[in-house]
Protein backbone atom coordinates (compact mmCIF):
# COMPACT_ATOMS: atom_id res chain seq x y z
CA MET A 1 50.00 9.78 55.85
CA GLY A 2 48.01 12.98 55.76
CA ILE A 3 45.20 13.74 58.13
CA VAL A 4 42.58 13.74 55.35
CA MET A 5 43.59 10.24 54.27
CA ALA A 6 43.51 9.08 57.90
CA TRP A 7 39.91 10.31 58.21
CA VAL A 8 39.01 8.58 54.95
CA LEU A 9 40.39 5.33 56.41
CA VAL A 10 38.34 5.79 59.59
CA ILE A 11 35.18 6.29 57.52
CA ILE A 12 35.89 3.21 55.39
CA ALA A 13 36.71 1.22 58.54
CA GLY A 14 33.41 2.38 60.08
CA LEU A 15 31.48 1.28 57.01
CA LEU A 16 33.22 -2.09 57.16
CA GLU A 17 32.27 -2.30 60.83
CA THR A 18 28.65 -1.77 59.80
CA GLY A 19 29.03 -4.62 57.33
CA TRP A 20 30.54 -7.08 59.76
CA ALA A 21 28.09 -6.15 62.52
CA VAL A 22 25.18 -6.91 60.19
CA GLY A 23 27.07 -9.96 58.96
CA LEU A 24 27.10 -11.39 62.49
CA LYS A 25 23.37 -11.94 62.19
CA GLN A 26 23.89 -13.92 58.99
CA THR A 27 26.60 -16.22 60.43
CA ASP A 28 24.12 -18.01 62.72
CA GLY A 29 26.72 -18.18 65.49
CA PHE A 30 29.53 -18.71 62.97
CA THR A 31 27.95 -21.96 61.79
CA LYS A 32 27.50 -20.81 58.18
CA PHE A 33 30.76 -20.80 56.24
CA TRP A 34 30.43 -17.99 53.69
CA PRO A 35 28.73 -15.43 55.94
CA SER A 36 31.27 -16.27 58.64
CA LEU A 37 34.22 -15.86 56.27
CA PHE A 38 32.99 -12.50 54.98
CA THR A 39 32.26 -11.32 58.52
CA ILE A 40 35.75 -12.29 59.73
CA LEU A 41 37.36 -10.60 56.72
CA GLY A 42 35.31 -7.47 57.43
CA ILE A 43 36.44 -7.46 61.06
CA VAL A 44 40.09 -7.81 60.08
CA ALA A 45 39.92 -5.17 57.35
CA SER A 46 38.04 -2.74 59.58
CA MET A 47 40.52 -3.11 62.46
CA LEU A 48 43.49 -2.86 60.10
CA LEU A 49 42.26 0.40 58.58
CA LEU A 50 41.48 1.82 62.02
CA SER A 51 44.95 0.92 63.26
CA ILE A 52 46.59 2.58 60.25
CA ALA A 53 44.50 5.74 60.76
CA ALA A 54 45.40 5.74 64.47
CA ARG A 55 49.03 6.35 63.53
CA THR A 56 47.96 9.88 62.61
CA LEU A 57 44.74 10.55 64.53
CA PRO A 58 44.05 10.62 68.27
CA ILE A 59 42.91 7.08 69.12
CA GLY A 60 40.02 8.19 71.33
CA THR A 61 38.48 10.30 68.59
CA ALA A 62 39.18 7.82 65.79
CA TYR A 63 37.78 4.92 67.81
CA ALA A 64 34.65 6.82 68.87
CA ILE A 65 33.90 7.84 65.29
CA TRP A 66 34.58 4.30 64.04
CA VAL A 67 32.16 2.85 66.61
CA GLY A 68 29.60 5.58 65.92
CA ILE A 69 29.60 4.94 62.18
CA GLY A 70 29.30 1.20 62.77
CA SER A 71 26.51 1.60 65.32
CA ALA A 72 24.49 4.03 63.24
CA GLY A 73 24.95 1.92 60.13
CA ALA A 74 23.91 -1.25 61.95
CA VAL A 75 20.73 0.40 63.24
CA ILE A 76 19.84 1.70 59.78
CA LEU A 77 20.63 -1.56 57.98
CA GLY A 78 18.90 -3.57 60.71
CA ASN A 79 15.78 -1.62 59.91
CA LEU A 80 16.12 -1.84 56.14
CA LEU A 81 17.24 -5.48 55.86
CA PHE A 82 15.62 -7.16 58.85
CA GLY A 83 12.63 -4.95 59.62
CA GLU A 84 13.99 -4.07 63.05
CA SER A 85 12.13 -1.34 64.90
CA LEU A 86 13.05 2.27 64.18
CA GLY A 87 10.59 4.19 66.31
CA PRO A 88 10.79 7.87 67.24
CA ALA A 89 12.96 7.29 70.32
CA ARG A 90 15.50 5.25 68.32
CA VAL A 91 15.60 7.90 65.59
CA PHE A 92 16.15 10.59 68.25
CA PHE A 93 19.07 8.72 69.83
CA LEU A 94 20.51 7.87 66.43
CA LEU A 95 20.49 11.59 65.62
CA LEU A 96 22.21 12.30 68.96
CA LEU A 97 24.86 9.75 68.03
CA LEU A 98 25.44 11.40 64.66
CA ILE A 99 25.68 14.82 66.34
CA ALA A 100 28.24 13.40 68.78
CA ILE A 101 30.30 11.89 65.93
CA THR A 102 30.26 15.21 64.10
CA GLY A 103 31.23 17.07 67.28
CA LEU A 104 34.17 14.75 67.90
CA LYS A 105 35.38 15.19 64.33
CA VAL A 106 35.03 18.97 64.37
CA THR A 107 36.79 19.39 67.71
CA SER A 108 39.73 17.05 66.97
CA HIS A 109 43.05 18.64 66.25
């Protein structure tokens, strides 16, 4: 697999991580069937794509970017879907996270 495709898989895996992280809130402790099923499928798909990408990419960088995408996405969707706070300090640290993700990507070989 080429390096570009590996990065595409990490990005898709990170977006799936965002989905399953937000899905956790909908499962109500895994007591609701459909939200729980979709959350579990998202977890499996996300991990599978990350593991495939890790064949080509350094695991530390791939994992950090995967977590960063998931974390940033969860913060943004938490605000948009659930009205969770997104004050100036949270926006600042979210921007720092995005800068760190970009830095890791740019400096990976």
